[in-house]
Protein backbone atom coordinates (compact mmCIF):
# COMPACT_ATOMS: atom_id res chain seq x y z
CA UNK A 1 28.33 -4.39 8.60
CA UNK A 2 26.47 -6.66 5.95
CA UNK A 3 28.82 -9.32 4.05
CA UNK A 4 29.46 -9.14 0.47
CA UNK A 5 27.37 -11.90 -1.27
CA UNK A 6 28.12 -11.51 -4.87
CA UNK A 7 29.50 -9.02 -7.29
CA UNK A 8 28.91 -8.61 -11.04
CA UNK A 9 30.45 -6.05 -13.10
CA UNK A 10 29.83 -2.58 -10.84
CA UNK A 11 26.99 -4.28 -9.35
CA UNK A 12 27.40 -5.26 -5.52
CA UNK A 13 25.02 -7.38 -3.32
CA UNK A 14 25.57 -7.79 0.45
CA UNK A 15 23.47 -8.54 3.27
CA UNK A 16 22.98 -11.71 5.50
CA UNK A 17 23.03 -15.12 4.12
CA UNK A 18 19.68 -16.26 2.98
CA UNK A 19 19.37 -19.60 1.78
CA UNK A 20 18.00 -19.44 -2.00
CA UNK A 21 19.68 -15.90 -2.66
CA UNK A 22 21.53 -17.69 -5.69
CA UNK A 23 18.39 -18.93 -7.17
CA UNK A 24 16.83 -15.27 -6.95
CA UNK A 25 19.74 -13.31 -7.40
CA UNK A 26 21.18 -15.30 -10.69
CA UNK A 27 23.86 -13.54 -13.00
CA UNK A 28 20.62 -12.90 -15.36
CA UNK A 29 18.66 -11.62 -12.80
CA UNK A 30 21.63 -9.36 -11.69
CA UNK A 31 22.44 -8.24 -14.90
CA UNK A 32 18.64 -7.16 -15.41
CA UNK A 33 18.52 -5.22 -11.91
CA UNK A 34 22.21 -3.57 -13.08
CA UNK A 35 20.44 -2.46 -16.43
CA UNK A 36 17.47 -1.42 -15.11
CA UNK A 37 19.09 0.90 -12.64
CA UNK A 38 21.59 2.60 -15.00
CA UNK A 39 18.46 3.26 -17.26
CA UNK A 40 15.85 4.40 -15.03
CA UNK A 41 17.20 5.78 -11.86
CA UNK A 42 18.15 9.26 -12.85
CA UNK A 43 14.55 10.04 -13.84
CA UNK A 44 13.40 8.19 -10.44
CA UNK A 45 15.46 10.75 -8.60
CA UNK A 46 14.23 13.72 -10.59
CA UNK A 47 10.69 12.49 -9.72
CA UNK A 48 11.38 12.14 -6.23
CA UNK A 49 13.03 15.72 -6.13
CA UNK A 50 9.93 17.23 -7.60
CA UNK A 51 7.83 15.54 -4.94
CA UNK A 52 9.75 17.59 -2.30
CA UNK A 53 9.56 20.71 -4.13
CA UNK A 54 5.94 20.12 -4.14
CA UNK A 55 5.76 19.41 -0.49
CA UNK A 56 7.55 22.77 -0.11
CA UNK A 57 4.91 24.69 -1.83
CA UNK A 58 2.62 23.12 0.22
CA UNK A 59 4.17 23.85 3.18
CA UNK A 60 4.02 27.52 2.01
CA UNK A 61 0.18 27.38 2.25
CA UNK A 62 -0.34 26.21 -1.38
CA UNK A 63 -2.95 24.01 -2.16
CA UNK A 64 -3.21 20.83 -4.66
CA UNK A 65 -5.00 21.58 -7.80
CA UNK A 66 -6.01 19.71 -10.96
CA UNK A 67 -3.30 20.50 -13.68
CA UNK A 68 -3.67 23.52 -16.04
CA UNK A 69 -1.24 21.66 -18.70
CA UNK A 70 -3.37 18.33 -19.03
CA UNK A 71 -6.86 19.54 -19.69
CA UNK A 72 -6.95 17.93 -23.03
CA UNK A 73 -6.04 14.77 -21.50
CA UNK A 74 -9.21 15.17 -18.86
CA UNK A 75 -11.59 16.61 -21.44
CA UNK A 76 -10.26 13.96 -24.30
CA UNK A 77 -12.40 11.04 -25.24
CA UNK A 78 -10.43 8.13 -24.70
CA UNK A 79 -10.38 4.56 -22.99
CA UNK A 80 -7.92 2.18 -21.28
CA UNK A 81 -6.99 -1.28 -23.32
CA UNK A 82 -9.67 -3.73 -22.26
CA UNK A 83 -8.90 -5.64 -19.04
CA UNK A 84 -7.85 -9.61 -19.69
CA UNK A 85 -10.61 -12.12 -18.70
CA UNK A 86 -8.73 -13.32 -15.66
CA UNK A 87 -9.34 -9.51 -14.57
CA UNK A 88 -12.78 -8.65 -15.28
CA UNK A 89 -14.20 -9.86 -12.36
CA UNK A 90 -12.19 -8.27 -9.03
CA UNK A 91 -15.26 -8.47 -6.45
CA UNK A 92 -13.21 -9.39 -3.60
CA UNK A 93 -9.40 -9.05 -2.80
CA UNK A 94 -7.63 -10.13 -0.33
CA UNK A 95 -4.09 -8.79 0.39
CA UNK A 96 -1.19 -10.02 2.82
CA UNK A 97 2.52 -10.26 3.05
CA UNK A 98 4.84 -12.82 0.83
CA UNK A 99 5.43 -15.43 3.49
CA UNK A 100 4.74 -18.89 2.59
CA UNK A 101 1.87 -19.84 4.76
CA UNK A 102 -0.02 -16.35 3.83
CA UNK A 103 0.33 -17.14 0.12
CA UNK A 104 -1.20 -20.75 0.14
CA UNK A 105 -4.08 -19.22 2.22
CA UNK A 106 -4.87 -16.23 -0.01
CA UNK A 107 -4.64 -18.58 -2.95
CA UNK A 108 -6.77 -20.89 -1.52
CA UNK A 109 -8.99 -18.45 -0.13
CA UNK A 110 -11.96 -18.15 -2.79
CA UNK A 111 -10.80 -14.72 -3.39
CA UNK A 112 -10.84 -13.36 -6.79
CA UNK A 113 -7.33 -11.77 -6.58
CA UNK A 114 -4.86 -12.08 -3.94
CA UNK A 115 -2.25 -9.30 -3.66
CA UNK A 116 1.04 -10.56 -2.47
CA UNK A 117 2.52 -7.45 -0.69
CA UNK A 118 6.13 -6.59 -0.82
CA UNK A 119 5.20 -3.06 0.53
CA UNK A 120 3.27 -1.87 3.49
CA UNK A 121 2.63 -5.26 5.18
CA UNK A 122 6.32 -6.78 4.43
CA UNK A 123 8.90 -5.66 6.52
CA UNK A 124 11.68 -5.31 3.96
CA UNK A 125 14.39 -7.53 5.85
CA UNK A 126 16.94 -9.10 3.44
CA UNK A 127 15.63 -12.40 4.36
CA UNK A 128 11.98 -11.47 3.63
CA UNK A 129 12.65 -10.31 0.58
CA UNK A 130 14.59 -13.38 -0.71
CA UNK A 131 12.28 -15.63 0.61
CA UNK A 132 9.11 -13.64 -0.59
CA UNK A 133 10.70 -14.04 -4.18
CA UNK A 134 11.04 -17.47 -3.80
CA UNK A 135 7.55 -18.35 -2.26
CA UNK A 136 5.62 -16.60 -5.16
CA UNK A 137 8.01 -18.78 -7.67
CA UNK A 138 6.86 -21.74 -5.90
CA UNK A 139 3.18 -20.49 -5.76
CA UNK A 140 3.38 -19.79 -9.48
CA UNK A 141 5.08 -23.36 -10.43
CA UNK A 142 2.21 -25.03 -7.90
CA UNK A 143 4.64 -26.49 -6.23
CA UNK A 144 4.55 -24.54 -2.89
CA UNK A 145 3.95 -26.18 0.34
CA UNK A 146 4.66 -25.38 4.16
CA UNK A 147 4.92 -27.30 7.11
CA UNK A 148 4.01 -25.19 10.19
CA UNK A 149 5.84 -26.06 13.97
CA UNK A 150 3.31 -27.74 15.11
CA UNK A 151 3.13 -30.17 12.49
CA UNK A 152 0.16 -28.92 10.47
CA UNK A 153 0.59 -28.91 6.58
CA UNK A 154 -0.42 -26.34 4.05
CA UNK A 155 -0.41 -26.85 0.26
CA UNK A 156 -1.92 -25.06 -3.01
CA UNK A 157 -5.19 -26.23 -3.69
CA UNK A 158 -4.84 -27.35 -7.62
CA UNK A 159 -8.31 -26.02 -8.51
CA UNK A 160 -7.79 -22.80 -6.99
CA UNK A 161 -8.83 -20.01 -9.41
CA UNK A 162 -7.44 -16.77 -7.31
CA UNK A 163 -5.20 -14.33 -9.41
CA UNK A 164 -2.20 -13.57 -8.08
CA UNK A 165 -1.20 -9.92 -8.40
CA UNK A 166 2.53 -8.23 -6.87
CA UNK A 167 2.39 -5.25 -5.11
CA UNK A 168 6.31 -4.00 -5.19
CA UNK A 169 7.76 -0.96 -3.06
CA UNK A 170 7.13 2.43 -3.99
CA UNK A 171 9.43 4.68 -5.89
CA UNK A 172 10.70 6.58 -2.69
CA UNK A 173 12.00 3.09 -1.32
CA UNK A 174 15.54 2.13 -1.66
CA UNK A 175 17.20 -1.48 -1.76
CA UNK A 176 20.34 -1.29 0.32
CA UNK A 177 21.22 -4.77 -0.24
CA UNK A 178 21.76 -4.12 -3.91
CA UNK A 179 24.04 -1.23 -4.95
CA UNK A 180 25.08 -0.51 -8.69
CA UNK A 181 27.54 2.24 -9.46
CA UNK A 182 27.75 2.85 -5.79
CA UNK A 183 24.19 3.42 -4.98
CA UNK A 184 21.50 1.63 -3.55
CA UNK A 185 18.78 0.59 -6.44
CA UNK A 186 15.22 1.15 -6.41
CA UNK A 187 13.20 -1.23 -4.06
CA UNK A 188 10.19 -0.90 -6.53
CA UNK A 189 12.48 -2.03 -9.50
CA UNK A 190 14.30 -4.82 -7.50
CA UNK A 191 10.80 -6.59 -6.39
CA UNK A 192 9.00 -6.11 -9.71
CA UNK A 193 11.86 -7.33 -11.98
CA UNK A 194 12.81 -10.21 -10.04
CA UNK A 195 9.24 -11.59 -10.05
CA UNK A 196 8.85 -10.81 -13.57
CA UNK A 197 12.05 -12.26 -14.36
CA UNK A 198 11.40 -15.31 -12.70
CA UNK A 199 7.57 -15.55 -13.45
CA UNK A 200 6.66 -13.50 -16.33
CA UNK A 201 6.86 -16.68 -19.08
CA UNK A 202 4.95 -19.13 -16.85
CA UNK A 203 2.20 -16.58 -16.08
CA UNK A 204 1.71 -15.50 -19.43
CA UNK A 205 1.49 -18.73 -20.85
CA UNK A 206 -1.38 -19.27 -18.27
CA UNK A 207 -3.20 -15.92 -19.60
CA UNK A 208 -2.48 -14.98 -15.90
CA UNK A 209 0.11 -11.90 -16.43
CA UNK A 210 2.08 -10.66 -14.61
CA UNK A 211 -0.26 -8.37 -12.89
CA UNK A 212 0.89 -5.96 -10.73
CA UNK A 213 -0.43 -3.18 -8.06
CA UNK A 214 1.60 0.33 -8.22
CA UNK A 215 1.56 2.08 -4.94
CA UNK A 216 2.15 5.47 -3.63
CA UNK A 217 2.24 7.18 -7.06
CA UNK A 218 1.69 11.41 -6.89
CA UNK A 219 1.66 12.24 -10.35
CA UNK A 220 1.28 11.30 -14.04
CA UNK A 221 5.22 11.34 -14.61
CA UNK A 222 5.60 8.57 -12.04
CA UNK A 223 3.20 6.73 -13.92
CA UNK A 224 4.85 7.09 -17.19
CA UNK A 225 7.95 5.95 -15.35
CA UNK A 226 6.57 2.41 -14.70
CA UNK A 227 4.86 2.47 -18.13
CA UNK A 228 8.31 2.55 -19.78
CA UNK A 229 9.92 0.06 -16.98
CA UNK A 230 7.16 -2.69 -17.94
CA UNK A 231 7.63 -2.26 -21.63
CA UNK A 232 11.49 -2.32 -21.15
CA UNK A 233 10.97 -5.66 -19.25
CA UNK A 234 8.45 -7.19 -21.92
CA UNK A 235 10.89 -6.34 -24.60
CA UNK A 236 13.74 -8.11 -22.31
CA UNK A 237 11.54 -11.11 -21.41
CA UNK A 238 9.88 -11.95 -24.66
CA UNK A 239 6.50 -10.61 -24.06
CA UNK A 240 3.96 -8.69 -26.39
CA UNK A 241 3.82 -5.07 -24.87
CA UNK A 242 1.30 -4.53 -22.87
CA UNK A 243 1.07 -8.17 -21.31
CA UNK A 244 1.86 -6.90 -17.83
CA UNK A 245 -1.34 -5.33 -16.55
CA UNK A 246 -1.23 -3.17 -13.57
CA UNK A 247 -3.73 -1.27 -10.90
CA UNK A 248 -2.63 1.77 -9.28
CA UNK A 249 -3.38 2.94 -5.92
CA UNK A 250 -4.63 6.20 -5.62
CA UNK A 251 -3.27 6.91 -2.25
CA UNK A 252 -1.82 10.33 -2.28
CA UNK A 253 -3.58 13.91 -2.05
CA UNK A 254 -1.46 14.78 -5.29
CA UNK A 255 -2.51 11.86 -7.36
CA UNK A 256 -6.17 12.61 -7.00
CA UNK A 257 -5.90 15.42 -9.29
CA UNK A 258 -4.33 13.42 -11.69
CA UNK A 259 -6.49 10.30 -12.14
CA UNK A 260 -7.23 10.89 -15.68
CA UNK A 261 -3.59 11.69 -16.35
CA UNK A 262 -2.14 8.43 -14.79
CA UNK A 263 -4.75 6.48 -16.47
CA UNK A 264 -3.54 7.95 -19.78
CA UNK A 265 -0.16 7.53 -18.81
CA UNK A 266 -0.59 3.96 -18.54
CA UNK A 267 -3.67 3.27 -20.73
CA UNK A 268 -1.86 0.44 -22.65
CA UNK A 269 -1.78 -1.66 -19.82
CA UNK A 270 -3.62 -0.24 -16.78
CA UNK A 271 -6.75 -2.01 -15.66
CA UNK A 272 -8.18 -0.05 -12.94
CA UNK A 273 -7.80 2.23 -9.68
CA UNK A 274 -7.92 1.48 -6.06
CA UNK A 275 -9.08 3.58 -3.17
CA UNK A 276 -6.19 3.22 -0.90
CA UNK A 277 -7.63 4.82 1.97
CA UNK A 278 -5.88 4.69 4.84
CA UNK A 279 -2.73 5.95 2.93
CA UNK A 280 -4.84 8.39 1.57
CA UNK A 281 -5.61 9.82 4.98
CA UNK A 282 -1.88 9.73 5.72
CA UNK A 283 -1.03 11.69 2.39
CA UNK A 284 -3.84 14.29 3.41
CA UNK A 285 -2.17 14.80 6.79
CA UNK A 286 1.33 15.00 5.45
CA UNK A 287 0.32 17.54 2.59
CA UNK A 288 -1.21 19.69 4.83
CA UNK A 289 1.11 19.04 7.77
CA UNK A 290 1.70 23.00 8.30
CA UNK A 291 -1.83 24.34 7.38
CA UNK A 292 -3.68 24.82 10.73
CA UNK A 293 -7.00 24.97 9.08
CA UNK A 294 -6.75 21.46 7.45
CA UNK A 295 -5.75 19.58 10.87
CA UNK A 296 -7.71 16.12 11.16
CA UNK A 297 -9.45 14.56 14.17
CA UNK A 298 -8.23 11.36 15.38
CA UNK A 299 -8.24 8.74 12.91
CA UNK A 300 -11.95 6.65 14.31
CA UNK A 301 -13.71 10.11 13.35
CA UNK A 302 -12.43 9.99 9.83
CA UNK A 303 -14.70 7.55 8.03
CA UNK A 304 -14.73 6.86 4.36
CA UNK A 305 -18.34 9.13 4.86
CA UNK A 306 -16.55 12.49 5.25
CA UNK A 307 -16.82 14.80 2.59
CA UNK A 308 -13.19 15.03 1.35
CA UNK A 309 -13.15 11.23 1.39
CA UNK A 310 -16.59 10.51 0.13
CA UNK A 311 -15.49 12.68 -2.54
CA UNK A 312 -12.18 11.24 -3.67
CA UNK A 313 -14.40 7.67 -3.94
CA UNK A 314 -16.97 8.81 -6.08
CA UNK A 315 -14.74 10.86 -8.25
CA UNK A 316 -12.20 7.73 -8.85
CA UNK A 317 -15.42 5.93 -9.79
CA UNK A 318 -16.79 8.12 -12.26
CA UNK A 319 -13.13 8.60 -13.86
CA UNK A 320 -12.20 4.76 -14.07
CA UNK A 321 -15.75 4.22 -15.46
CA UNK A 322 -15.40 6.64 -17.96
CA UNK A 323 -12.13 5.39 -19.30
CA UNK A 324 -13.22 1.81 -19.37
CA UNK A 325 -11.42 0.80 -15.92
CA UNK A 326 -12.19 -0.86 -12.51
CA UNK A 327 -12.69 1.55 -9.62
CA UNK A 328 -11.35 -0.95 -6.94
CA UNK A 329 -12.52 -0.23 -2.90
CA UNK A 330 -10.38 -0.15 -0.07
CA UNK A 331 -9.41 -2.47 2.97
CA UNK A 332 -11.80 -3.83 5.38
CA UNK A 333 -8.92 -4.39 8.16
CA UNK A 334 -11.06 -5.88 10.75
CA UNK A 335 -10.44 -9.69 12.06
CA UNK A 336 -12.78 -12.14 12.98
CA UNK A 337 -12.94 -11.89 16.96
CA UNK A 338 -13.05 -15.31 18.20
CA UNK A 339 -14.95 -15.78 22.37
CA UNK A 340 -16.71 -12.74 21.92
CA UNK A 341 -20.02 -13.07 19.72
CA UNK A 342 -21.21 -9.55 20.28
CA UNK A 343 -18.11 -7.90 19.72
CA UNK A 344 -17.93 -9.76 16.52
CA UNK A 345 -21.28 -9.03 15.49
CA UNK A 346 -20.68 -5.33 15.78
CA UNK A 347 -17.37 -5.82 13.76
CA UNK A 348 -19.03 -7.79 10.89
CA UNK A 349 -21.68 -5.00 10.84
CA UNK A 350 -19.05 -2.17 10.23
CA UNK A 351 -17.76 -4.48 7.47
CA UNK A 352 -21.02 -5.05 5.91
CA UNK A 353 -22.13 -1.54 6.10
CA UNK A 354 -18.59 0.01 4.60
CA UNK A 355 -18.77 -2.68 1.99
CA UNK A 356 -22.58 -1.71 0.82
CA UNK A 357 -21.53 1.64 0.45
CA UNK A 358 -18.84 0.70 -1.76
CA UNK A 359 -20.96 -1.66 -3.96
CA UNK A 360 -23.78 1.08 -4.19
CA UNK A 361 -21.28 3.91 -4.89
CA UNK A 362 -20.33 1.82 -8.07
CA UNK A 363 -16.80 0.12 -7.02
CA UNK A 364 -16.04 -2.61 -8.65
CA UNK A 365 -14.64 -4.78 -5.87
CA UNK A 366 -13.01 -3.95 -2.65
CA UNK A 367 -10.48 -5.46 -0.37
CA UNK A 368 -10.17 -7.63 2.61
CA UNK A 369 -7.55 -8.31 4.92
CA UNK A 370 -8.73 -11.69 6.57
CA UNK A 371 -10.38 -14.77 4.68
CA UNK A 372 -12.91 -14.79 7.00
CA UNK A 373 -14.37 -11.18 5.64
CA UNK A 374 -14.44 -13.13 1.77
CA UNK A 375 -17.96 -14.33 2.27
CA UNK A 376 -19.45 -11.09 4.12
CA UNK A 377 -18.07 -8.61 1.09
CA UNK A 378 -18.61 -11.16 -1.71
CA UNK A 379 -22.73 -11.70 -0.87
CA UNK A 380 -22.72 -7.97 -0.55
CA UNK A 381 -21.31 -7.26 -3.99
CA UNK A 382 -23.16 -10.01 -5.52
CA UNK A 383 -26.28 -8.37 -4.44
CA UNK A 384 -25.46 -5.27 -5.83
CA UNK A 385 -23.22 -6.31 -8.75
CA UNK A 386 -24.59 -9.10 -10.55
CA UNK A 387 -22.52 -8.81 -13.43
CA UNK A 388 -18.63 -9.05 -13.55
CA UNK A 389 -18.46 -5.19 -12.84
CA UNK A 390 -19.91 -2.04 -13.06
CA UNK A 391 -18.38 -0.19 -15.45
CA UNK A 392 -21.01 0.13 -17.90
CA UNK A 393 -23.90 0.04 -15.22
CA UNK A 394 -22.94 2.46 -12.77
CA UNK A 395 -20.99 5.23 -14.64
CA UNK A 396 -21.49 7.98 -12.09
CA UNK A 397 -21.50 10.72 -14.71
CA UNK A 398 -23.48 12.81 -12.46
CA UNK A 399 -20.79 13.35 -10.06
CA UNK A 400 -19.70 16.79 -9.71
CA UNK A 401 -16.30 17.06 -7.64
CA UNK A 402 -14.20 19.82 -7.82
CA UNK A 403 -10.70 20.86 -6.12
CA UNK A 404 -12.17 21.95 -2.72
CA UNK A 405 -14.18 19.29 -2.04
CA UNK A 406 -11.12 16.89 -2.31
CA UNK A 407 -9.29 19.30 0.27
CA UNK A 408 -12.45 20.27 2.53
CA UNK A 409 -11.12 19.49 6.33
CA UNK A 410 -12.93 16.86 8.57
CA UNK A 411 -14.78 18.26 11.74
CA UNK A 412 -14.05 16.24 15.15
CA UNK A 413 -12.22 16.12 18.27
CA UNK A 414 -8.81 14.64 19.71
CA UNK A 415 -9.95 12.23 22.76
CA UNK A 416 -7.34 11.10 25.61
CA UNK A 417 -7.93 7.75 23.92
CA UNK A 418 -7.13 8.47 20.51
CA UNK A 419 -4.14 10.30 21.54
CA UNK A 420 -2.91 7.43 23.34
CA UNK A 421 -4.05 4.77 20.79
CA UNK A 422 -1.77 6.61 18.11
CA UNK A 423 1.18 6.34 20.57
CA UNK A 424 0.22 2.82 21.37
CA UNK A 425 -0.27 1.52 17.91
CA UNK A 426 2.42 3.26 16.33
CA UNK A 427 5.18 1.82 18.86
CA UNK A 428 3.45 -1.72 18.93
CA UNK A 429 3.51 -1.85 14.83
CA UNK A 430 7.28 -0.12 14.88
CA UNK A 431 8.47 -2.88 17.06
CA UNK A 432 6.99 -5.49 15.17
CA UNK A 433 8.21 -4.26 12.08
CA UNK A 434 12.18 -3.68 13.10
CA UNK A 435 11.40 -7.39 14.34
CA UNK A 436 10.56 -8.38 10.79
CA UNK A 437 6.94 -8.65 10.66
CA UNK A 438 5.00 -5.78 8.47
CA UNK A 439 1.29 -7.17 9.13
CA UNK A 440 0.33 -7.07 12.86
CA UNK A 441 -3.05 -7.59 14.66
CA UNK A 442 -3.80 -4.86 17.03
CA UNK A 443 -7.51 -4.42 18.93
CA UNK A 444 -8.71 -6.68 16.33
CA UNK A 445 -7.50 -4.52 13.05
CA UNK A 446 -4.67 -5.77 11.00
CA UNK A 447 -2.49 -2.97 10.81
CA UNK A 448 0.15 -2.08 8.43
CA UNK A 449 2.73 0.49 7.81
CA UNK A 450 -0.18 2.95 6.34
CA UNK A 451 -2.24 3.05 9.65
CA UNK A 452 1.42 3.44 11.67
CA UNK A 453 1.96 6.84 9.01
CA UNK A 454 -1.39 7.87 10.14
CA UNK A 455 -0.85 7.39 14.11
CA UNK A 456 2.93 9.30 13.69
CA UNK A 457 2.08 11.67 11.10
CA UNK A 458 -1.19 12.96 13.52
CA UNK A 459 1.21 13.19 16.77
CA UNK A 460 3.61 15.17 14.75
CA UNK A 461 1.07 17.55 13.47
CA UNK A 462 -1.11 17.86 16.41
CA UNK A 463 2.34 18.82 18.22
CA UNK A 464 4.09 21.11 16.01
CA UNK A 465 0.81 23.12 14.50
CA UNK A 466 0.25 24.20 18.01
CA UNK A 467 -3.16 25.38 19.89
CA UNK A 468 -4.83 21.72 19.79
CA UNK A 469 -6.28 20.67 22.99
CA UNK A 470 -7.96 17.38 23.58
CA UNK A 471 -11.71 17.26 24.46
CA UNK A 472 -11.49 17.79 27.73
CA UNK A 473 -9.49 20.96 27.35
CA UNK A 474 -5.98 19.37 28.00
CA UNK A 475 -3.40 21.21 25.89
CA UNK A 476 -1.86 19.01 23.36
CA UNK A 477 1.74 19.51 24.01
CA UNK A 478 5.30 17.64 24.23
CA UNK A 479 4.82 17.44 27.97
CA UNK A 480 1.57 15.19 27.41
CA UNK A 481 3.49 13.60 24.51
CA UNK A 482 6.61 12.69 26.49
CA UNK A 483 4.34 11.37 29.39
CA UNK A 484 2.39 9.51 27.57
CA UNK A 485 5.31 7.96 25.31
CA UNK A 486 7.05 7.07 28.81
CA UNK A 487 3.88 5.01 30.17
CA UNK A 488 3.20 2.93 26.84
CA UNK A 489 5.09 -0.17 27.97
CA UNK A 490 2.54 -0.21 31.10
CA UNK A 491 -0.57 -0.04 28.73
CA UNK A 492 0.80 -2.71 26.23
CA UNK A 493 0.08 -6.54 27.18
CA UNK A 494 2.90 -8.23 28.94
CA UNK A 495 3.53 -10.73 26.74
CA UNK A 496 2.32 -11.96 23.33
CA UNK A 497 3.43 -8.74 21.19
CA UNK A 498 5.48 -9.46 17.60
CA UNK A 499 8.84 -7.75 18.28
CA UNK A 500 8.33 -7.43 22.41
CA UNK A 501 11.93 -7.22 22.72
CA UNK A 502 11.93 -4.13 20.07
CA UNK A 503 9.54 -2.08 22.01
CA UNK A 504 12.03 0.36 23.46
CA UNK A 505 13.67 0.92 20.24
CA UNK A 506 10.43 1.83 19.04
CA UNK A 507 9.46 4.38 21.96
CA UNK A 508 12.81 6.27 21.55
CA UNK A 509 12.44 6.04 17.71
CA UNK A 510 8.96 7.32 17.86
CA UNK A 511 9.89 9.93 20.31
CA UNK A 512 12.63 11.40 18.27
CA UNK A 513 10.62 11.74 14.91
CA UNK A 514 7.65 13.33 16.86
CA UNK A 515 10.04 15.96 18.42
CA UNK A 516 12.00 16.52 15.07
CA UNK A 517 11.23 19.66 13.32
CA UNK A 518 10.58 18.33 10.08
CA UNK A 519 8.10 15.53 9.52
CA UNK A 520 9.79 12.45 8.01
CA UNK A 521 8.28 11.84 4.75
CA UNK A 522 7.82 8.14 5.57
CA UNK A 523 8.71 6.18 8.78
CA UNK A 524 9.87 3.18 7.11
CA UNK A 525 12.35 5.03 5.87
CA UNK A 526 14.38 5.75 9.09
CA UNK A 527 13.26 2.45 10.51
CA UNK A 528 14.97 0.59 7.19
CA UNK A 529 18.53 1.83 8.42
CA UNK A 530 17.55 -0.36 11.27
CA UNK A 531 16.76 -3.71 9.46
CA UNK A 532 19.35 -6.44 8.16
């Protein structure tokens, strides 16, 4: 049982002792978290219940569509507030977890923006969360430094102009170490409010925010709740309303039908939408998990050029540019491959092709997972985007996307290698996540929770929908799955894997989740119960 660390009124903080926790959870900070929970958690719970209602309708055969009650918003002639100078040019952004070395390297990388991620690339152990807040506060103060075990020293370049943005956890994730009135508070409120409490004044004084990425939204009502939270925090922290700027990731299928509405709900502070491609594919699978005619082929056969993804990307660009917002592209997850020039050249060619597609389509910037990809992506956007962004020059008003374009099934196959790869990636990532690492290099790709979610959701769907076959004619059934899962350890490298000792636990967990009659909403919810 976790030890009680501190109490304040009816707020209780528990967990393992972490150095610096009193600095992060000061009396004032804890009082702010308590007030936020009491004011906003009832609405959050209502919105999460609406998600379940929506999914039950999809399971019964309903299809997502544009809302009839918000037609006036979609048809209206309005724009979002102008972006601040620091966020006018976002051609290359780098993302990663909130560990000390990553923050320093990312802020020194030359990318226009670094998104420090408390969500998909951070395993939310209590230690990671508290140390992440300390690391970010030190980065904002300019004092962050790090010495590796081998003695190499890292420090923030005083000349760095990379803009810091923070991604808190989504509305669905709890923070079990902080209870208010006997209930766990929202992980997203915990992450965002603590960062703002400790850093907003310093960032505002330098015209650097604070700025945030908001993940996993499904509706305009969820966006409106964030807007209320941010306005509340601005008043509490003495900032002008609208100071805190946000970019929203469109990474759920329901959200793509409400992009205008989400922009409108946050119109005083939103500066863009982002194509969160991996989570979007996961959401497509989850939304249609019971619909046999919309089963996707293996992940490698679902690139951004398939119809439903191309339509999503182009509609996002059109919608954003019409409203004066940035349309950010998706992640290049490749990692430079040392010692194999041919393999590295092929990987970089895939990156260039993807970024060429984004820039020519009209995106205003893109994401990379590794500093080595920044020059590659930047060169392409420099060629195709000579100005700060393409909002005015590429409005894309010729794009016409209907409901059926956004839900069109993708054709393809399930190979034996693809089936095994889904099992292996999920086990490897889950083992590392349980061991406290949320961003894991696998097969020269930087995998995070989103790609693990695709892998395990596909396995569940292939097995539960029924009638699926490998391209060699083998039936995809539980006998095939159980045999493949039992041999996963033989297929993985013998050493050097993050979380090696947690692999048996990850195997058992994947087996349980895949055999379950219902698809778990997020793998991180049952896995979180196992974290300290």
